[in-house]
Amino acid sequence: MTILEIIALCFIAMGLIFFLGGTVGILRLPDFYSRLHAAGKLDTLGSLNVLLGLALYSLAPISLLSVLTALKILLCMFFVFMASPSATHAIVDAGMDAGMPHWRKR
């Protein structure tokens, strides 16, 4: 394994850890808004880390095809970076319009 492949696998592992954290947050947090906050933040970070790891892993044998593949993955990263927070915000707005209750400590 080359250094680039090891770094790529580290990014992929970090992304999977973020996904695991988001899953735990969805299961443990008390209300809709808290769960969505955990899911939105950790889903974005997890996706970006996994995609960055895949982009680096595709560059292992440097060629024109691997560079083009990495650029396509970077474009996907940009889309995730822009769309995921917007989608989370839209879901929160829909929840507020539907009257989803906020959590209150009793």
C-alpha atoms as a PDB file:
ATOM      1  CA  MET A   1       0.000   0.000   0.000  1.00  0.00           C
ATOM      2  CA  THR A   2       1.190   3.465  -0.798  1.00  0.00           C
ATOM      3  CA  ILE A   3       1.015   6.471   1.511  1.00  0.00           C
ATOM      4  CA  LEU A   4      -1.771   7.945  -0.633  1.00  0.00           C
ATOM      5  CA  GLU A   5      -3.879   4.811  -0.223  1.00  0.00           C
ATOM      6  CA  ILE A   6      -3.336   4.822   3.551  1.00  0.00           C
ATOM      7  CA  ILE A   7      -4.395   8.481   3.788  1.00  0.00           C
ATOM      8  CA  ALA A   8      -7.433   7.721   1.622  1.00  0.00           C
ATOM      9  CA  LEU A   9      -8.441   4.822   3.852  1.00  0.00           C
ATOM     10  CA  CYS A  10      -8.057   7.059   6.926  1.00  0.00           C
ATOM     11  CA  PHE A  11     -10.462   9.603   5.396  1.00  0.00           C
ATOM     12  CA  ILE A  12     -12.928   6.846   4.544  1.00  0.00           C
ATOM     13  CA  ALA A  13     -12.704   5.485   8.102  1.00  0.00           C
ATOM     14  CA  MET A  14     -13.253   8.980   9.547  1.00  0.00           C
ATOM     15  CA  GLY A  15     -16.311   9.376   7.339  1.00  0.00           C
ATOM     16  CA  LEU A  16     -17.731   6.087   8.555  1.00  0.00           C
ATOM     17  CA  ILE A  17     -17.137   7.172  12.162  1.00  0.00           C
ATOM     18  CA  PHE A  18     -19.075  10.387  11.464  1.00  0.00           C
ATOM     19  CA  PHE A  19     -21.913   8.316   9.981  1.00  0.00           C
ATOM     20  CA  LEU A  20     -21.904   6.156  13.110  1.00  0.00           C
ATOM     21  CA  GLY A  21     -22.059   9.278  15.288  1.00  0.00           C
ATOM     22  CA  GLY A  22     -24.998  10.579  13.279  1.00  0.00           C
ATOM     23  CA  THR A  23     -26.796   7.275  13.711  1.00  0.00           C
ATOM     24  CA  VAL A  24     -26.258   7.361  17.467  1.00  0.00           C
ATOM     25  CA  GLY A  25     -27.501  10.962  17.531  1.00  0.00           C
ATOM     26  CA  ILE A  26     -30.661  10.045  15.652  1.00  0.00           C
ATOM     27  CA  LEU A  27     -31.385   7.202  18.058  1.00  0.00           C
ATOM     28  CA  ARG A  28     -30.540   8.983  21.326  1.00  0.00           C
ATOM     29  CA  LEU A  29     -31.573  12.622  20.999  1.00  0.00           C
ATOM     30  CA  PRO A  30     -35.006  13.575  22.337  1.00  0.00           C
ATOM     31  CA  ASP A  31     -36.807  15.513  19.602  1.00  0.00           C
ATOM     32  CA  PHE A  32     -37.107  16.055  15.872  1.00  0.00           C
ATOM     33  CA  TYR A  33     -34.932  19.177  15.742  1.00  0.00           C
ATOM     34  CA  SER A  34     -32.068  17.753  17.795  1.00  0.00           C
ATOM     35  CA  ARG A  35     -32.067  14.577  15.749  1.00  0.00           C
ATOM     36  CA  LEU A  36     -32.072  16.524  12.517  1.00  0.00           C
ATOM     37  CA  HIS A  37     -29.204  18.694  13.729  1.00  0.00           C
ATOM     38  CA  ALA A  38     -27.076  15.632  14.481  1.00  0.00           C
ATOM     39  CA  ALA A  39     -28.053  13.942  11.243  1.00  0.00           C
ATOM     40  CA  GLY A  40     -27.412  17.020   9.112  1.00  0.00           C
ATOM     41  CA  LYS A  41     -24.023  17.916  10.527  1.00  0.00           C
ATOM     42  CA  LEU A  42     -22.605  14.433  10.726  1.00  0.00           C
ATOM     43  CA  ASP A  43     -24.070  13.316   7.409  1.00  0.00           C
ATOM     44  CA  THR A  44     -22.389  16.217   5.633  1.00  0.00           C
ATOM     45  CA  LEU A  45     -19.050  15.618   7.340  1.00  0.00           C
ATOM     46  CA  GLY A  46     -19.256  11.874   6.804  1.00  0.00           C
ATOM     47  CA  SER A  47     -20.084  12.229   3.114  1.00  0.00           C
ATOM     48  CA  LEU A  48     -17.312  14.752   2.526  1.00  0.00           C
ATOM     49  CA  ASN A  49     -14.717  12.577   4.266  1.00  0.00           C
ATOM     50  CA  VAL A  50     -15.740   9.426   2.406  1.00  0.00           C
ATOM     51  CA  LEU A  51     -15.776  11.231  -0.943  1.00  0.00           C
ATOM     52  CA  LEU A  52     -12.394  12.833  -0.250  1.00  0.00           C
ATOM     53  CA  GLY A  53     -11.011   9.405   0.604  1.00  0.00           C
ATOM     54  CA  LEU A  54     -12.420   7.985  -2.620  1.00  0.00           C
ATOM     55  CA  ALA A  55     -10.939  10.856  -4.631  1.00  0.00           C
ATOM     56  CA  LEU A  56      -7.522  10.254  -3.092  1.00  0.00           C
ATOM     57  CA  TYR A  57      -7.828   6.495  -3.559  1.00  0.00           C
ATOM     58  CA  SER A  58      -8.660   6.946  -7.239  1.00  0.00           C
ATOM     59  CA  LEU A  59      -5.429   8.936  -7.676  1.00  0.00           C
ATOM     60  CA  ALA A  60      -3.227   6.018  -6.563  1.00  0.00           C
ATOM     61  CA  PRO A  61      -2.061   5.198 -10.106  1.00  0.00           C
ATOM     62  CA  ILE A  62      -1.676   8.717 -11.521  1.00  0.00           C
ATOM     63  CA  SER A  63      -3.128   8.946 -15.013  1.00  0.00           C
ATOM     64  CA  LEU A  64      -5.445  11.241 -16.905  1.00  0.00           C
ATOM     65  CA  LEU A  65      -8.374   8.930 -16.210  1.00  0.00           C
ATOM     66  CA  SER A  66      -7.694   8.886 -12.461  1.00  0.00           C
ATOM     67  CA  VAL A  67      -7.400  12.689 -12.344  1.00  0.00           C
ATOM     68  CA  LEU A  68     -10.711  13.062 -14.197  1.00  0.00           C
ATOM     69  CA  THR A  69     -12.327  10.589 -11.809  1.00  0.00           C
ATOM     70  CA  ALA A  70     -11.001  12.534  -8.819  1.00  0.00           C
ATOM     71  CA  LEU A  71     -12.340  15.786 -10.298  1.00  0.00           C
ATOM     72  CA  LYS A  72     -15.781  14.229 -10.726  1.00  0.00           C
ATOM     73  CA  ILE A  73     -15.716  13.107  -7.099  1.00  0.00           C
ATOM     74  CA  LEU A  74     -14.678  16.617  -6.034  1.00  0.00           C
ATOM     75  CA  LEU A  75     -17.675  18.003  -7.942  1.00  0.00           C
ATOM     76  CA  CYS A  76     -19.876  15.555  -6.041  1.00  0.00           C
ATOM     77  CA  MET A  77     -18.297  16.837  -2.814  1.00  0.00           C
ATOM     78  CA  PHE A  78     -19.176  20.402  -3.791  1.00  0.00           C
ATOM     79  CA  PHE A  79     -22.766  19.360  -4.495  1.00  0.00           C
ATOM     80  CA  VAL A  80     -23.059  17.592  -1.127  1.00  0.00           C
ATOM     81  CA  PHE A  81     -21.507  20.598   0.626  1.00  0.00           C
ATOM     82  CA  MET A  82     -24.105  22.912  -0.917  1.00  0.00           C
ATOM     83  CA  ALA A  83     -27.198  20.684  -0.972  1.00  0.00           C
ATOM     84  CA  SER A  84     -27.088  18.880   2.367  1.00  0.00           C
ATOM     85  CA  PRO A  85     -27.340  21.945   4.645  1.00  0.00           C
ATOM     86  CA  SER A  86     -30.038  23.412   2.389  1.00  0.00           C
ATOM     87  CA  ALA A  87     -32.043  20.197   2.524  1.00  0.00           C
ATOM     88  CA  THR A  88     -31.693  20.023   6.306  1.00  0.00           C
ATOM     89  CA  HIS A  89     -32.898  23.619   6.597  1.00  0.00           C
ATOM     90  CA  ALA A  90     -35.887  22.871   4.359  1.00  0.00           C
ATOM     91  CA  ILE A  91     -36.821  19.851   6.486  1.00  0.00           C
ATOM     92  CA  VAL A  92     -36.616  21.959   9.664  1.00  0.00           C
ATOM     93  CA  ASP A  93     -38.864  24.597   8.071  1.00  0.00           C
ATOM     94  CA  ALA A  94     -41.353  21.893   7.097  1.00  0.00           C
ATOM     95  CA  GLY A  95     -41.285  20.551  10.654  1.00  0.00           C
ATOM     96  CA  MET A  96     -41.936  24.004  12.075  1.00  0.00           C
ATOM     97  CA  ASP A  97     -44.803  24.554   9.622  1.00  0.00           C
ATOM     98  CA  ALA A  98     -46.275  21.181  10.607  1.00  0.00           C
ATOM     99  CA  GLY A  99     -46.097  22.155  14.288  1.00  0.00           C
ATOM    100  CA  MET A 100     -43.515  19.645  15.455  1.00  0.00           C
ATOM    101  CA  PRO A 101     -43.070  20.215  19.199  1.00  0.00           C
ATOM    102  CA  HIS A 102     -39.772  21.295  20.722  1.00  0.00           C
ATOM    103  CA  TRP A 103     -38.226  19.232  23.492  1.00  0.00           C
ATOM    104  CA  ARG A 104     -38.690  20.552  27.012  1.00  0.00           C
ATOM    105  CA  LYS A 105     -37.006  19.207  30.111  1.00  0.00           C
ATOM    106  CA  ARG A 106     -39.561  18.020  32.642  1.00  0.00           C
END
